[in-house]
């Protein structure tokens, strides 16, 4: 099994970008139906009035893509 990675970077005090496999709670918070939840997701989480707003920005097919994008976004 492939090793899993997790990258994150704060955009500001209320917003966080992460690259990781998507969790069930994140998936539920998006309100979207995503058929294939494999691979990695670039997710933006915004804290608003005590609640988290979760937005999927991109899906990445594998750890190589996740690592490459994390480097482009200075998350490593």
C-alpha atoms as a PDB file:
ATOM      1  CA  UNK A   1       0.000   0.000   0.000  1.00  0.00           C
ATOM      2  CA  UNK A   2       1.206   3.484  -0.880  1.00  0.00           C
ATOM      3  CA  UNK A   3       2.300   5.765   1.971  1.00  0.00           C
ATOM      4  CA  UNK A   4      -0.184   8.590   2.613  1.00  0.00           C
ATOM      5  CA  UNK A   5       0.880  12.216   2.881  1.00  0.00           C
ATOM      6  CA  UNK A   6      -0.697  15.291   4.448  1.00  0.00           C
ATOM      7  CA  UNK A   7       0.294  18.864   3.595  1.00  0.00           C
ATOM      8  CA  UNK A   8      -1.216  22.070   4.902  1.00  0.00           C
ATOM      9  CA  UNK A   9      -0.685  25.804   4.803  1.00  0.00           C
ATOM     10  CA  UNK A  10      -2.622  28.634   6.411  1.00  0.00           C
ATOM     11  CA  UNK A  11      -3.772  31.250   3.893  1.00  0.00           C
ATOM     12  CA  UNK A  12      -4.783  33.591   6.697  1.00  0.00           C
ATOM     13  CA  UNK A  13      -6.203  33.299  10.219  1.00  0.00           C
ATOM     14  CA  UNK A  14      -9.502  31.825   8.970  1.00  0.00           C
ATOM     15  CA  UNK A  15      -8.477  29.779   5.915  1.00  0.00           C
ATOM     16  CA  UNK A  16      -6.432  26.621   5.592  1.00  0.00           C
ATOM     17  CA  UNK A  17      -5.336  24.754   2.448  1.00  0.00           C
ATOM     18  CA  UNK A  18      -4.688  21.029   2.729  1.00  0.00           C
ATOM     19  CA  UNK A  19      -3.571  18.302   0.371  1.00  0.00           C
ATOM     20  CA  UNK A  20      -4.517  14.889   1.694  1.00  0.00           C
ATOM     21  CA  UNK A  21      -6.898  12.008   1.150  1.00  0.00           C
ATOM     22  CA  UNK A  22     -10.404  13.369   1.784  1.00  0.00           C
ATOM     23  CA  UNK A  23     -12.083  12.424   5.055  1.00  0.00           C
ATOM     24  CA  UNK A  24     -15.724  11.454   5.442  1.00  0.00           C
ATOM     25  CA  UNK A  25     -16.405  14.611   7.477  1.00  0.00           C
ATOM     26  CA  UNK A  26     -14.802  16.837   4.812  1.00  0.00           C
ATOM     27  CA  UNK A  27     -16.778  15.086   2.101  1.00  0.00           C
ATOM     28  CA  UNK A  28     -20.010  15.608   4.013  1.00  0.00           C
ATOM     29  CA  UNK A  29     -19.165  19.283   4.677  1.00  0.00           C
ATOM     30  CA  UNK A  30     -18.672  19.992   0.962  1.00  0.00           C
ATOM     31  CA  UNK A  31     -22.253  19.078   0.176  1.00  0.00           C
ATOM     32  CA  UNK A  32     -20.963  17.602  -3.093  1.00  0.00           C
ATOM     33  CA  UNK A  33     -21.281  14.077  -4.392  1.00  0.00           C
ATOM     34  CA  UNK A  34     -17.853  12.824  -5.375  1.00  0.00           C
ATOM     35  CA  UNK A  35     -17.972   9.346  -6.868  1.00  0.00           C
ATOM     36  CA  UNK A  36     -14.256   8.580  -6.843  1.00  0.00           C
ATOM     37  CA  UNK A  37     -12.746   9.600  -3.508  1.00  0.00           C
ATOM     38  CA  UNK A  38      -9.394   7.969  -4.214  1.00  0.00           C
ATOM     39  CA  UNK A  39      -6.154   9.887  -4.452  1.00  0.00           C
ATOM     40  CA  UNK A  40      -5.580  13.280  -2.876  1.00  0.00           C
ATOM     41  CA  UNK A  41      -7.626  16.456  -2.683  1.00  0.00           C
ATOM     42  CA  UNK A  42      -6.662  20.107  -2.490  1.00  0.00           C
ATOM     43  CA  UNK A  43      -9.198  21.438   0.008  1.00  0.00           C
ATOM     44  CA  UNK A  44      -9.791  24.941   1.357  1.00  0.00           C
ATOM     45  CA  UNK A  45     -11.363  25.116   4.817  1.00  0.00           C
ATOM     46  CA  UNK A  46     -12.749  28.448   5.981  1.00  0.00           C
ATOM     47  CA  UNK A  47     -13.887  29.041   9.548  1.00  0.00           C
ATOM     48  CA  UNK A  48     -17.031  31.185   9.611  1.00  0.00           C
ATOM     49  CA  UNK A  49     -18.907  31.877  12.852  1.00  0.00           C
ATOM     50  CA  UNK A  50     -17.677  28.654  14.453  1.00  0.00           C
ATOM     51  CA  UNK A  51     -18.507  26.484  11.437  1.00  0.00           C
ATOM     52  CA  UNK A  52     -16.170  25.080   8.811  1.00  0.00           C
ATOM     53  CA  UNK A  53     -16.925  25.711   5.155  1.00  0.00           C
ATOM     54  CA  UNK A  54     -15.111  23.110   3.063  1.00  0.00           C
ATOM     55  CA  UNK A  55     -14.432  23.524  -0.660  1.00  0.00           C
ATOM     56  CA  UNK A  56     -12.717  20.985  -2.895  1.00  0.00           C
ATOM     57  CA  UNK A  57     -10.455  22.826  -5.327  1.00  0.00           C
ATOM     58  CA  UNK A  58      -8.822  19.862  -7.081  1.00  0.00           C
ATOM     59  CA  UNK A  59      -8.468  16.105  -7.032  1.00  0.00           C
ATOM     60  CA  UNK A  60      -5.013  14.628  -7.544  1.00  0.00           C
ATOM     61  CA  UNK A  61      -4.554  11.042  -8.756  1.00  0.00           C
ATOM     62  CA  UNK A  62      -1.585   9.962  -6.607  1.00  0.00           C
ATOM     63  CA  UNK A  63       1.079  10.902  -4.089  1.00  0.00           C
ATOM     64  CA  UNK A  64       3.497  12.096  -6.794  1.00  0.00           C
ATOM     65  CA  UNK A  65       0.958  14.713  -7.891  1.00  0.00           C
ATOM     66  CA  UNK A  66       0.246  15.640  -4.259  1.00  0.00           C
ATOM     67  CA  UNK A  67       3.947  16.150  -3.524  1.00  0.00           C
ATOM     68  CA  UNK A  68       4.484  18.186  -6.714  1.00  0.00           C
ATOM     69  CA  UNK A  69       1.526  20.488  -5.970  1.00  0.00           C
ATOM     70  CA  UNK A  70       2.568  20.889  -2.328  1.00  0.00           C
ATOM     71  CA  UNK A  71       5.966  22.106  -3.511  1.00  0.00           C
ATOM     72  CA  UNK A  72       4.399  24.556  -5.974  1.00  0.00           C
ATOM     73  CA  UNK A  73       2.257  25.942  -3.131  1.00  0.00           C
ATOM     74  CA  UNK A  74       5.214  26.050  -0.681  1.00  0.00           C
ATOM     75  CA  UNK A  75       3.555  23.537   1.622  1.00  0.00           C
ATOM     76  CA  UNK A  76       6.607  21.309   2.102  1.00  0.00           C
END
